[in-house]
Amino acid sequence: NARAKRELDALLDRAPQLAHRSVAGEYQDLPVNEVQVGDVLLVRPSE
């Protein structure tokens, strides 16, 4: 089952947990579920 579900599990395991939000010109980490519409976010290389 683990072999068969590899692609399904890959989607689940890759769910982002953190975001980098711009606050006063600086980027601060916060849980992804706290991101609000309109927030400016930094996405780093390979993130």
ModelCIF file with pLDDT and N, C-alpha, C, O atoms, coordinates in Angstrom:
data_MODEL
#
_entry.id   MODEL 
#
_entity.id                         1 
_entity.type                       polymer 
_entity.pdbx_number_of_molecules   1 
#
_entity_poly.entity_id                      1 
_entity_poly.type                           'polypeptide(L)' 
_entity_poly.nstd_linkage                   no 
_entity_poly.nstd_monomer                   no 
_entity_poly.pdbx_seq_one_letter_code       NARAKRELDALLDRAPQLAHRSVAGEYQDLPVNEVQVGDVLLVRPSE 
_entity_poly.pdbx_seq_one_letter_code_can   NARAKRELDALLDRAPQLAHRSVAGEYQDLPVNEVQVGDVLLVRPSE 
_entity_poly.pdbx_strand_id                 A 
#
loop_
_entity_poly_seq.entity_id 
_entity_poly_seq.num 
_entity_poly_seq.mon_id 
_entity_poly_seq.hetero 
1 1  ASN n 
1 2  ALA n 
1 3  ARG n 
1 4  ALA n 
1 5  LYS n 
1 6  ARG n 
1 7  GLU n 
1 8  LEU n 
1 9  ASP n 
1 10 ALA n 
1 11 LEU n 
1 12 LEU n 
1 13 ASP n 
1 14 ARG n 
1 15 ALA n 
1 16 PRO n 
1 17 GLN n 
1 18 LEU n 
1 19 ALA n 
1 20 HIS n 
1 21 ARG n 
1 22 SER n 
1 23 VAL n 
1 24 ALA n 
1 25 GLY n 
1 26 GLU n 
1 27 TYR n 
1 28 GLN n 
1 29 ASP n 
1 30 LEU n 
1 31 PRO n 
1 32 VAL n 
1 33 ASN n 
1 34 GLU n 
1 35 VAL n 
1 36 GLN n 
1 37 VAL n 
1 38 GLY n 
1 39 ASP n 
1 40 VAL n 
1 41 LEU n 
1 42 LEU n 
1 43 VAL n 
1 44 ARG n 
1 45 PRO n 
1 46 SER n 
1 47 GLU n 
#
_struct_asym.id          A 
_struct_asym.entity_id   1 
#
loop_
_ma_qa_metric.id 
_ma_qa_metric.mode 
_ma_qa_metric.name 
_ma_qa_metric.software_group_id 
_ma_qa_metric.type 
1 global pLDDT . pLDDT 
2 local  pLDDT . pLDDT 
#
_ma_qa_metric_global.metric_id      1 
_ma_qa_metric_global.metric_value   79.26 
_ma_qa_metric_global.model_id       1 
_ma_qa_metric_global.ordinal_id     1 
#
loop_
_ma_qa_metric_local.label_asym_id 
_ma_qa_metric_local.label_comp_id 
_ma_qa_metric_local.label_seq_id 
_ma_qa_metric_local.metric_id 
_ma_qa_metric_local.metric_value 
_ma_qa_metric_local.model_id 
_ma_qa_metric_local.ordinal_id 
A ASN 1  2 54.00 1 1  
A ALA 2  2 59.00 1 2  
A ARG 3  2 56.00 1 3  
A ALA 4  2 51.00 1 4  
A LYS 5  2 57.00 1 5  
A ARG 6  2 61.00 1 6  
A GLU 7  2 57.00 1 7  
A LEU 8  2 56.00 1 8  
A ASP 9  2 61.00 1 9  
A ALA 10 2 62.00 1 10 
A LEU 11 2 59.00 1 11 
A LEU 12 2 60.00 1 12 
A ASP 13 2 63.00 1 13 
A ARG 14 2 65.00 1 14 
A ALA 15 2 71.00 1 15 
A PRO 16 2 77.00 1 16 
A GLN 17 2 82.00 1 17 
A LEU 18 2 87.00 1 18 
A ALA 19 2 91.00 1 19 
A HIS 20 2 92.00 1 20 
A ARG 21 2 92.00 1 21 
A SER 22 2 87.00 1 22 
A VAL 23 2 84.00 1 23 
A ALA 24 2 78.00 1 24 
A GLY 25 2 76.00 1 25 
A GLU 26 2 82.00 1 26 
A TYR 27 2 85.00 1 27 
A GLN 28 2 88.00 1 28 
A ASP 29 2 91.00 1 29 
A LEU 30 2 91.00 1 30 
A PRO 31 2 91.00 1 31 
A VAL 32 2 90.00 1 32 
A ASN 33 2 88.00 1 33 
A GLU 34 2 91.00 1 34 
A VAL 35 2 92.00 1 35 
A GLN 36 2 92.00 1 36 
A VAL 37 2 91.00 1 37 
A GLY 38 2 92.00 1 38 
A ASP 39 2 93.00 1 39 
A VAL 40 2 93.00 1 40 
A LEU 41 2 94.00 1 41 
A LEU 42 2 93.00 1 42 
A VAL 43 2 93.00 1 43 
A ARG 44 2 91.00 1 44 
A PRO 45 2 90.00 1 45 
A SER 46 2 86.00 1 46 
A GLU 47 2 90.00 1 47 
#
loop_
_atom_site.group_PDB 
_atom_site.id 
_atom_site.type_symbol 
_atom_site.label_atom_id 
_atom_site.label_alt_id 
_atom_site.label_comp_id 
_atom_site.label_asym_id 
_atom_site.label_entity_id 
_atom_site.label_seq_id 
_atom_site.pdbx_PDB_ins_code 
_atom_site.Cartn_x 
_atom_site.Cartn_y 
_atom_site.Cartn_z 
_atom_site.occupancy 
_atom_site.B_iso_or_equiv 
_atom_site.pdbx_formal_charge 
_atom_site.auth_seq_id 
_atom_site.auth_comp_id 
_atom_site.auth_asym_id 
_atom_site.auth_atom_id 
_atom_site.pdbx_PDB_model_num 
ATOM 1   N N  . ASN A 1 1  ? 0.825  -1.204 0.000  1.00 54.00 ? 1  ASN A N  1 
ATOM 2   C CA . ASN A 1 1  ? 0.000  0.000  0.000  1.00 54.00 ? 1  ASN A CA 1 
ATOM 3   C C  . ASN A 1 1  ? 0.859  1.254  0.000  1.00 54.00 ? 1  ASN A C  1 
ATOM 4   O O  . ASN A 1 1  ? 0.561  2.220  -0.702 1.00 54.00 ? 1  ASN A O  1 
ATOM 5   N N  . ALA A 1 2  ? 1.941  1.236  0.800  1.00 59.00 ? 2  ALA A N  1 
ATOM 6   C CA . ALA A 1 2  ? 2.834  2.388  0.843  1.00 59.00 ? 2  ALA A CA 1 
ATOM 7   C C  . ALA A 1 2  ? 3.460  2.628  -0.525 1.00 59.00 ? 2  ALA A C  1 
ATOM 8   O O  . ALA A 1 2  ? 3.609  3.772  -0.954 1.00 59.00 ? 2  ALA A O  1 
ATOM 9   N N  . ARG A 1 3  ? 3.824  1.543  -1.208 1.00 56.00 ? 3  ARG A N  1 
ATOM 10  C CA . ARG A 1 3  ? 4.389  1.670  -2.558 1.00 56.00 ? 3  ARG A CA 1 
ATOM 11  C C  . ARG A 1 3  ? 3.343  2.219  -3.521 1.00 56.00 ? 3  ARG A C  1 
ATOM 12  O O  . ARG A 1 3  ? 3.642  3.067  -4.363 1.00 56.00 ? 3  ARG A O  1 
ATOM 13  N N  . ALA A 1 4  ? 2.127  1.732  -3.390 1.00 51.00 ? 4  ALA A N  1 
ATOM 14  C CA . ALA A 1 4  ? 1.066  2.158  -4.297 1.00 51.00 ? 4  ALA A CA 1 
ATOM 15  C C  . ALA A 1 4  ? 0.623  3.589  -4.043 1.00 51.00 ? 4  ALA A C  1 
ATOM 16  O O  . ALA A 1 4  ? 0.212  4.282  -4.974 1.00 51.00 ? 4  ALA A O  1 
ATOM 17  N N  . LYS A 1 5  ? 0.702  4.048  -2.785 1.00 57.00 ? 5  LYS A N  1 
ATOM 18  C CA . LYS A 1 5  ? 0.224  5.381  -2.419 1.00 57.00 ? 5  LYS A CA 1 
ATOM 19  C C  . LYS A 1 5  ? 1.319  6.433  -2.474 1.00 57.00 ? 5  LYS A C  1 
ATOM 20  O O  . LYS A 1 5  ? 1.145  7.532  -1.948 1.00 57.00 ? 5  LYS A O  1 
ATOM 21  N N  . ARG A 1 6  ? 2.440  6.115  -3.098 1.00 61.00 ? 6  ARG A N  1 
ATOM 22  C CA . ARG A 1 6  ? 3.578  7.015  -3.035 1.00 61.00 ? 6  ARG A CA 1 
ATOM 23  C C  . ARG A 1 6  ? 3.237  8.410  -3.556 1.00 61.00 ? 6  ARG A C  1 
ATOM 24  O O  . ARG A 1 6  ? 3.597  9.412  -2.938 1.00 61.00 ? 6  ARG A O  1 
ATOM 25  N N  . GLU A 1 7  ? 2.537  8.474  -4.700 1.00 57.00 ? 7  GLU A N  1 
ATOM 26  C CA . GLU A 1 7  ? 2.217  9.783  -5.252 1.00 57.00 ? 7  GLU A CA 1 
ATOM 27  C C  . GLU A 1 7  ? 1.182  10.509 -4.394 1.00 57.00 ? 7  GLU A C  1 
ATOM 28  O O  . GLU A 1 7  ? 1.240  11.730 -4.248 1.00 57.00 ? 7  GLU A O  1 
ATOM 29  N N  . LEU A 1 8  ? 0.225  9.748  -3.819 1.00 56.00 ? 8  LEU A N  1 
ATOM 30  C CA . LEU A 1 8  ? -0.755 10.384 -2.944 1.00 56.00 ? 8  LEU A CA 1 
ATOM 31  C C  . LEU A 1 8  ? -0.079 10.936 -1.703 1.00 56.00 ? 8  LEU A C  1 
ATOM 32  O O  . LEU A 1 8  ? -0.328 12.076 -1.312 1.00 56.00 ? 8  LEU A O  1 
ATOM 33  N N  . ASP A 1 9  ? 0.769  10.138 -1.087 1.00 61.00 ? 9  ASP A N  1 
ATOM 34  C CA . ASP A 1 9  ? 1.451  10.574 0.129  1.00 61.00 ? 9  ASP A CA 1 
ATOM 35  C C  . ASP A 1 9  ? 2.376  11.745 -0.132 1.00 61.00 ? 9  ASP A C  1 
ATOM 36  O O  . ASP A 1 9  ? 2.575  12.589 0.741  1.00 61.00 ? 9  ASP A O  1 
ATOM 37  N N  . ALA A 1 10 ? 2.946  11.802 -1.334 1.00 62.00 ? 10 ALA A N  1 
ATOM 38  C CA . ALA A 1 10 ? 3.851  12.905 -1.653 1.00 62.00 ? 10 ALA A CA 1 
ATOM 39  C C  . ALA A 1 10 ? 3.128  14.241 -1.559 1.00 62.00 ? 10 ALA A C  1 
ATOM 40  O O  . ALA A 1 10 ? 3.700  15.226 -1.091 1.00 62.00 ? 10 ALA A O  1 
ATOM 41  N N  . LEU A 1 11 ? 1.882  14.279 -1.998 1.00 59.00 ? 11 LEU A N  1 
ATOM 42  C CA . LEU A 1 11 ? 1.102  15.506 -1.889 1.00 59.00 ? 11 LEU A CA 1 
ATOM 43  C C  . LEU A 1 11 ? 0.850  15.876 -0.431 1.00 59.00 ? 11 LEU A C  1 
ATOM 44  O O  . LEU A 1 11 ? 0.961  17.041 -0.049 1.00 59.00 ? 11 LEU A O  1 
ATOM 45  N N  . LEU A 1 12 ? 0.511  14.878 0.376  1.00 60.00 ? 12 LEU A N  1 
ATOM 46  C CA . LEU A 1 12 ? 0.229  15.137 1.783  1.00 60.00 ? 12 LEU A CA 1 
ATOM 47  C C  . LEU A 1 12 ? 1.475  15.600 2.529  1.00 60.00 ? 12 LEU A C  1 
ATOM 48  O O  . LEU A 1 12 ? 1.422  16.542 3.319  1.00 60.00 ? 12 LEU A O  1 
ATOM 49  N N  . ASP A 1 13 ? 2.596  14.929 2.272  1.00 63.00 ? 13 ASP A N  1 
ATOM 50  C CA . ASP A 1 13 ? 3.826  15.228 3.004  1.00 63.00 ? 13 ASP A CA 1 
ATOM 51  C C  . ASP A 1 13 ? 4.401  16.592 2.638  1.00 63.00 ? 13 ASP A C  1 
ATOM 52  O O  . ASP A 1 13 ? 5.104  17.208 3.439  1.00 63.00 ? 13 ASP A O  1 
ATOM 53  N N  . ARG A 1 14 ? 4.103  17.064 1.427  1.00 65.00 ? 14 ARG A N  1 
ATOM 54  C CA . ARG A 1 14 ? 4.695  18.311 0.973  1.00 65.00 ? 14 ARG A CA 1 
ATOM 55  C C  . ARG A 1 14 ? 3.876  19.537 1.342  1.00 65.00 ? 14 ARG A C  1 
ATOM 56  O O  . ARG A 1 14 ? 4.243  20.646 0.953  1.00 65.00 ? 14 ARG A O  1 
ATOM 57  N N  . ALA A 1 15 ? 2.804  19.384 2.062  1.00 71.00 ? 15 ALA A N  1 
ATOM 58  C CA . ALA A 1 15 ? 1.966  20.532 2.425  1.00 71.00 ? 15 ALA A CA 1 
ATOM 59  C C  . ALA A 1 15 ? 2.795  21.570 3.180  1.00 71.00 ? 15 ALA A C  1 
ATOM 60  O O  . ALA A 1 15 ? 3.404  21.238 4.196  1.00 71.00 ? 15 ALA A O  1 
ATOM 61  N N  . PRO A 1 16 ? 2.832  22.818 2.707  1.00 77.00 ? 16 PRO A N  1 
ATOM 62  C CA . PRO A 1 16 ? 3.630  23.845 3.379  1.00 77.00 ? 16 PRO A CA 1 
ATOM 63  C C  . PRO A 1 16 ? 3.163  24.077 4.816  1.00 77.00 ? 16 PRO A C  1 
ATOM 64  O O  . PRO A 1 16 ? 1.966  24.052 5.100  1.00 77.00 ? 16 PRO A O  1 
ATOM 65  N N  . GLN A 1 17 ? 4.114  24.299 5.709  1.00 82.00 ? 17 GLN A N  1 
ATOM 66  C CA . GLN A 1 17 ? 3.809  24.546 7.115  1.00 82.00 ? 17 GLN A CA 1 
ATOM 67  C C  . GLN A 1 17 ? 4.070  25.992 7.534  1.00 82.00 ? 17 GLN A C  1 
ATOM 68  O O  . GLN A 1 17 ? 3.396  26.506 8.426  1.00 82.00 ? 17 GLN A O  1 
ATOM 69  N N  . LEU A 1 18 ? 5.039  26.652 6.900  1.00 87.00 ? 18 LEU A N  1 
ATOM 70  C CA . LEU A 1 18 ? 5.426  28.009 7.266  1.00 87.00 ? 18 LEU A CA 1 
ATOM 71  C C  . LEU A 1 18 ? 5.366  28.939 6.063  1.00 87.00 ? 18 LEU A C  1 
ATOM 72  O O  . LEU A 1 18 ? 5.490  28.501 4.920  1.00 87.00 ? 18 LEU A O  1 
ATOM 73  N N  . ALA A 1 19 ? 5.175  30.228 6.331  1.00 91.00 ? 19 ALA A N  1 
ATOM 74  C CA . ALA A 1 19 ? 5.235  31.267 5.307  1.00 91.00 ? 19 ALA A CA 1 
ATOM 75  C C  . ALA A 1 19 ? 6.101  32.397 5.852  1.00 91.00 ? 19 ALA A C  1 
ATOM 76  O O  . ALA A 1 19 ? 6.259  32.535 7.065  1.00 91.00 ? 19 ALA A O  1 
ATOM 77  N N  . HIS A 1 20 ? 6.662  33.205 4.950  1.00 92.00 ? 20 HIS A N  1 
ATOM 78  C CA . HIS A 1 20 ? 7.517  34.332 5.346  1.00 92.00 ? 20 HIS A CA 1 
ATOM 79  C C  . HIS A 1 20 ? 6.789  35.619 4.957  1.00 92.00 ? 20 HIS A C  1 
ATOM 80  O O  . HIS A 1 20 ? 6.747  35.980 3.781  1.00 92.00 ? 20 HIS A O  1 
ATOM 81  N N  . ARG A 1 21 ? 6.220  36.304 5.938  1.00 92.00 ? 21 ARG A N  1 
ATOM 82  C CA . ARG A 1 21 ? 5.404  37.496 5.682  1.00 92.00 ? 21 ARG A CA 1 
ATOM 83  C C  . ARG A 1 21 ? 6.219  38.767 5.876  1.00 92.00 ? 21 ARG A C  1 
ATOM 84  O O  . ARG A 1 21 ? 7.047  38.858 6.783  1.00 92.00 ? 21 ARG A O  1 
ATOM 85  N N  . SER A 1 22 ? 5.972  39.739 5.015  1.00 87.00 ? 22 SER A N  1 
ATOM 86  C CA . SER A 1 22 ? 6.665  41.029 5.105  1.00 87.00 ? 22 SER A CA 1 
ATOM 87  C C  . SER A 1 22 ? 5.997  41.901 6.159  1.00 87.00 ? 22 SER A C  1 
ATOM 88  O O  . SER A 1 22 ? 4.803  42.189 6.073  1.00 87.00 ? 22 SER A O  1 
ATOM 89  N N  . VAL A 1 23 ? 6.774  42.319 7.152  1.00 84.00 ? 23 VAL A N  1 
ATOM 90  C CA . VAL A 1 23 ? 6.289  43.212 8.208  1.00 84.00 ? 23 VAL A CA 1 
ATOM 91  C C  . VAL A 1 23 ? 7.305  44.338 8.356  1.00 84.00 ? 23 VAL A C  1 
ATOM 92  O O  . VAL A 1 23 ? 8.441  44.109 8.768  1.00 84.00 ? 23 VAL A O  1 
ATOM 93  N N  . ALA A 1 24 ? 6.891  45.548 8.018  1.00 78.00 ? 24 ALA A N  1 
ATOM 94  C CA . ALA A 1 24 ? 7.761  46.725 8.125  1.00 78.00 ? 24 ALA A CA 1 
ATOM 95  C C  . ALA A 1 24 ? 9.072  46.511 7.373  1.00 78.00 ? 24 ALA A C  1 
ATOM 96  O O  . ALA A 1 24 ? 10.146 46.871 7.856  1.00 78.00 ? 24 ALA A O  1 
ATOM 97  N N  . GLY A 1 25 ? 8.968  45.925 6.194  1.00 76.00 ? 25 GLY A N  1 
ATOM 98  C CA . GLY A 1 25 ? 10.152 45.737 5.375  1.00 76.00 ? 25 GLY A CA 1 
ATOM 99  C C  . GLY A 1 25 ? 10.973 44.508 5.704  1.00 76.00 ? 25 GLY A C  1 
ATOM 100 O O  . GLY A 1 25 ? 11.938 44.203 5.003  1.00 76.00 ? 25 GLY A O  1 
ATOM 101 N N  . GLU A 1 26 ? 10.607 43.801 6.754  1.00 82.00 ? 26 GLU A N  1 
ATOM 102 C CA . GLU A 1 26 ? 11.321 42.584 7.128  1.00 82.00 ? 26 GLU A CA 1 
ATOM 103 C C  . GLU A 1 26 ? 10.380 41.388 7.014  1.00 82.00 ? 26 GLU A C  1 
ATOM 104 O O  . GLU A 1 26 ? 9.165  41.514 7.167  1.00 82.00 ? 26 GLU A O  1 
ATOM 105 N N  . TYR A 1 27 ? 10.974 40.222 6.742  1.00 85.00 ? 27 TYR A N  1 
ATOM 106 C CA . TYR A 1 27 ? 10.164 39.014 6.605  1.00 85.00 ? 27 TYR A CA 1 
ATOM 107 C C  . TYR A 1 27 ? 10.213 38.197 7.894  1.00 85.00 ? 27 TYR A C  1 
ATOM 108 O O  . TYR A 1 27 ? 11.284 37.911 8.429  1.00 85.00 ? 27 TYR A O  1 
ATOM 109 N N  . GLN A 1 28 ? 9.017  37.829 8.382  1.00 88.00 ? 28 GLN A N  1 
ATOM 110 C CA . GLN A 1 28 ? 8.911  37.050 9.611  1.00 88.00 ? 28 GLN A CA 1 
ATOM 111 C C  . GLN A 1 28 ? 8.188  35.733 9.321  1.00 88.00 ? 28 GLN A C  1 
ATOM 112 O O  . GLN A 1 28 ? 7.227  35.700 8.553  1.00 88.00 ? 28 GLN A O  1 
ATOM 113 N N  . ASP A 1 29 ? 8.659  34.657 9.939  1.00 91.00 ? 29 ASP A N  1 
ATOM 114 C CA . ASP A 1 29 ? 8.018  33.349 9.763  1.00 91.00 ? 29 ASP A CA 1 
ATOM 115 C C  . ASP A 1 29 ? 6.736  33.271 10.575 1.00 91.00 ? 29 ASP A C  1 
ATOM 116 O O  . ASP A 1 29 ? 6.675  33.772 11.697 1.00 91.00 ? 29 ASP A O  1 
ATOM 117 N N  . LEU A 1 30 ? 5.723  32.649 10.015 1.00 91.00 ? 30 LEU A N  1 
ATOM 118 C CA . LEU A 1 30 ? 4.479  32.408 10.717 1.00 91.00 ? 30 LEU A CA 1 
ATOM 119 C C  . LEU A 1 30 ? 3.830  31.154 10.159 1.00 91.00 ? 30 LEU A C  1 
ATOM 120 O O  . LEU A 1 30 ? 4.090  30.791 9.012  1.00 91.00 ? 30 LEU A O  1 
ATOM 121 N N  . PRO A 1 31 ? 2.982  30.473 10.951 1.00 91.00 ? 31 PRO A N  1 
ATOM 122 C CA . PRO A 1 31 ? 2.279  29.282 10.448 1.00 91.00 ? 31 PRO A CA 1 
ATOM 123 C C  . PRO A 1 31 ? 1.461  29.644 9.220  1.00 91.00 ? 31 PRO A C  1 
ATOM 124 O O  . PRO A 1 31 ? 0.857  30.714 9.151  1.00 91.00 ? 31 PRO A O  1 
ATOM 125 N N  . VAL A 1 32 ? 1.451  28.736 8.254  1.00 90.00 ? 32 VAL A N  1 
ATOM 126 C CA . VAL A 1 32 ? 0.800  29.042 6.985  1.00 90.00 ? 32 VAL A CA 1 
ATOM 127 C C  . VAL A 1 32 ? -0.691 29.316 7.160  1.00 90.00 ? 32 VAL A C  1 
ATOM 128 O O  . VAL A 1 32 ? -1.272 30.067 6.377  1.00 90.00 ? 32 VAL A O  1 
ATOM 129 N N  . ASN A 1 33 ? -1.325 28.714 8.185  1.00 88.00 ? 33 ASN A N  1 
ATOM 130 C CA . ASN A 1 33 ? -2.764 28.946 8.368  1.00 88.00 ? 33 ASN A CA 1 
ATOM 131 C C  . ASN A 1 33 ? -3.078 30.322 8.946  1.00 88.00 ? 33 ASN A C  1 
ATOM 132 O O  . ASN A 1 33 ? -4.248 30.667 9.110  1.00 88.00 ? 33 ASN A O  1 
ATOM 133 N N  . GLU A 1 34 ? -2.034 31.125 9.261  1.00 91.00 ? 34 GLU A N  1 
ATOM 134 C CA . GLU A 1 34 ? -2.263 32.475 9.755  1.00 91.00 ? 34 GLU A CA 1 
ATOM 135 C C  . GLU A 1 34 ? -2.107 33.521 8.661  1.00 91.00 ? 34 GLU A C  1 
ATOM 136 O O  . GLU A 1 34 ? -2.292 34.711 8.917  1.00 91.00 ? 34 GLU A O  1 
ATOM 137 N N  . VAL A 1 35 ? -1.774 33.103 7.455  1.00 92.00 ? 35 VAL A N  1 
ATOM 138 C CA . VAL A 1 35 ? -1.636 34.039 6.338  1.00 92.00 ? 35 VAL A CA 1 
ATOM 139 C C  . VAL A 1 35 ? -3.019 34.606 5.986  1.00 92.00 ? 35 VAL A C  1 
ATOM 140 O O  . VAL A 1 35 ? -4.004 33.871 5.910  1.00 92.00 ? 35 VAL A O  1 
ATOM 141 N N  . GLN A 1 36 ? -3.069 35.919 5.773  1.00 92.00 ? 36 GLN A N  1 
ATOM 142 C CA . GLN A 1 36 ? -4.307 36.585 5.415  1.00 92.00 ? 36 GLN A CA 1 
ATOM 143 C C  . GLN A 1 36 ? -4.237 37.072 3.967  1.00 92.00 ? 36 GLN A C  1 
ATOM 144 O O  . GLN A 1 36 ? -3.154 37.305 3.430  1.00 92.00 ? 36 GLN A O  1 
ATOM 145 N N  . VAL A 1 37 ? -5.402 37.220 3.350  1.00 91.00 ? 37 VAL A N  1 
ATOM 146 C CA . VAL A 1 37 ? -5.463 37.755 1.990  1.00 91.00 ? 37 VAL A CA 1 
ATOM 147 C C  . VAL A 1 37 ? -4.850 39.149 1.985  1.00 91.00 ? 37 VAL A C  1 
ATOM 148 O O  . VAL A 1 37 ? -5.177 39.983 2.830  1.00 91.00 ? 37 VAL A O  1 
ATOM 149 N N  . GLY A 1 38 ? -3.966 39.395 1.037  1.00 92.00 ? 38 GLY A N  1 
ATOM 150 C CA . GLY A 1 38 ? -3.305 40.689 0.939  1.00 92.00 ? 38 GLY A CA 1 
ATOM 151 C C  . GLY A 1 38 ? -1.906 40.714 1.515  1.00 92.00 ? 38 GLY A C  1 
ATOM 152 O O  . GLY A 1 38 ? -1.148 41.646 1.247  1.00 92.00 ? 38 GLY A O  1 
ATOM 153 N N  . ASP A 1 39 ? -1.543 39.707 2.306  1.00 93.00 ? 39 ASP A N  1 
ATOM 154 C CA . ASP A 1 39 ? -0.189 39.654 2.866  1.00 93.00 ? 39 ASP A CA 1 
ATOM 155 C C  . ASP A 1 39 ? 0.841  39.500 1.758  1.00 93.00 ? 39 ASP A C  1 
ATOM 156 O O  . ASP A 1 39 ? 0.631  38.776 0.785  1.00 93.00 ? 39 ASP A O  1 
ATOM 157 N N  . VAL A 1 40 ? 1.967  40.201 1.928  1.00 93.00 ? 40 VAL A N  1 
ATOM 158 C CA . VAL A 1 40 ? 3.088  40.049 1.009  1.00 93.00 ? 40 VAL A CA 1 
ATOM 159 C C  . VAL A 1 40 ? 4.014  38.980 1.579  1.00 93.00 ? 40 VAL A C  1 
ATOM 160 O O  . VAL A 1 40 ? 4.470  39.085 2.717  1.00 93.00 ? 40 VAL A O  1 
ATOM 161 N N  . LEU A 1 41 ? 4.287  37.954 0.783  1.00 94.00 ? 41 LEU A N  1 
ATOM 162 C CA . LEU A 1 41 ? 5.061  36.812 1.250  1.00 94.00 ? 41 LEU A CA 1 
ATOM 163 C C  . LEU A 1 41 ? 6.317  36.635 0.413  1.00 94.00 ? 41 LEU A C  1 
ATOM 164 O O  . LEU A 1 41 ? 6.335  36.920 -0.784 1.00 94.00 ? 41 LEU A O  1 
ATOM 165 N N  . LEU A 1 42 ? 7.356  36.163 1.062  1.00 93.00 ? 42 LEU A N  1 
ATOM 166 C CA . LEU A 1 42 ? 8.592  35.801 0.376  1.00 93.00 ? 42 LEU A CA 1 
ATOM 167 C C  . LEU A 1 42 ? 8.615  34.294 0.171  1.00 93.00 ? 42 LEU A C  1 
ATOM 168 O O  . LEU A 1 42 ? 8.373  33.530 1.106  1.00 93.00 ? 42 LEU A O  1 
ATOM 169 N N  . VAL A 1 43 ? 8.906  33.869 -1.055 1.00 93.00 ? 43 VAL A N  1 
ATOM 170 C CA . VAL A 1 43 ? 9.078  32.451 -1.356 1.00 93.00 ? 43 VAL A CA 1 
ATOM 171 C C  . VAL A 1 43 ? 10.529 32.259 -1.758 1.00 93.00 ? 43 VAL A C  1 
ATOM 172 O O  . VAL A 1 43 ? 10.958 32.751 -2.802 1.00 93.00 ? 43 VAL A O  1 
ATOM 173 N N  . ARG A 1 44 ? 11.283 31.550 -0.938 1.00 91.00 ? 44 ARG A N  1 
ATOM 174 C CA . ARG A 1 44 ? 12.710 31.375 -1.159 1.00 91.00 ? 44 ARG A CA 1 
ATOM 175 C C  . ARG A 1 44 ? 12.976 30.324 -2.245 1.00 91.00 ? 44 ARG A C  1 
ATOM 176 O O  . ARG A 1 44 ? 12.073 29.581 -2.632 1.00 91.00 ? 44 ARG A O  1 
ATOM 177 N N  . PRO A 1 45 ? 14.216 30.269 -2.729 1.00 90.00 ? 45 PRO A N  1 
ATOM 178 C CA . PRO A 1 45 ? 14.541 29.265 -3.758 1.00 90.00 ? 45 PRO A CA 1 
ATOM 179 C C  . PRO A 1 45 ? 14.214 27.847 -3.309 1.00 90.00 ? 45 PRO A C  1 
ATOM 180 O O  . PRO A 1 45 ? 14.523 27.448 -2.186 1.00 90.00 ? 45 PRO A O  1 
ATOM 181 N N  . SER A 1 46 ? 13.590 27.098 -4.199 1.00 86.00 ? 46 SER A N  1 
ATOM 182 C CA . SER A 1 46 ? 13.223 25.684 -3.986 1.00 86.00 ? 46 SER A CA 1 
ATOM 183 C C  . SER A 1 46 ? 12.159 25.494 -2.910 1.00 86.00 ? 46 SER A C  1 
ATOM 184 O O  . SER A 1 46 ? 11.878 24.359 -2.525 1.00 86.00 ? 46 SER A O  1 
ATOM 185 N N  . GLU A 1 47 ? 11.560 26.579 -2.415 1.00 90.00 ? 47 GLU A N  1 
ATOM 186 C CA . GLU A 1 47 ? 10.478 26.444 -1.436 1.00 90.00 ? 47 GLU A CA 1 
ATOM 187 C C  . GLU A 1 47 ? 9.139  26.239 -2.144 1.00 90.00 ? 47 GLU A C  1 
ATOM 188 O O  . GLU A 1 47 ? 8.108  26.104 -1.486 1.00 90.00 ? 47 GLU A O  1 
#
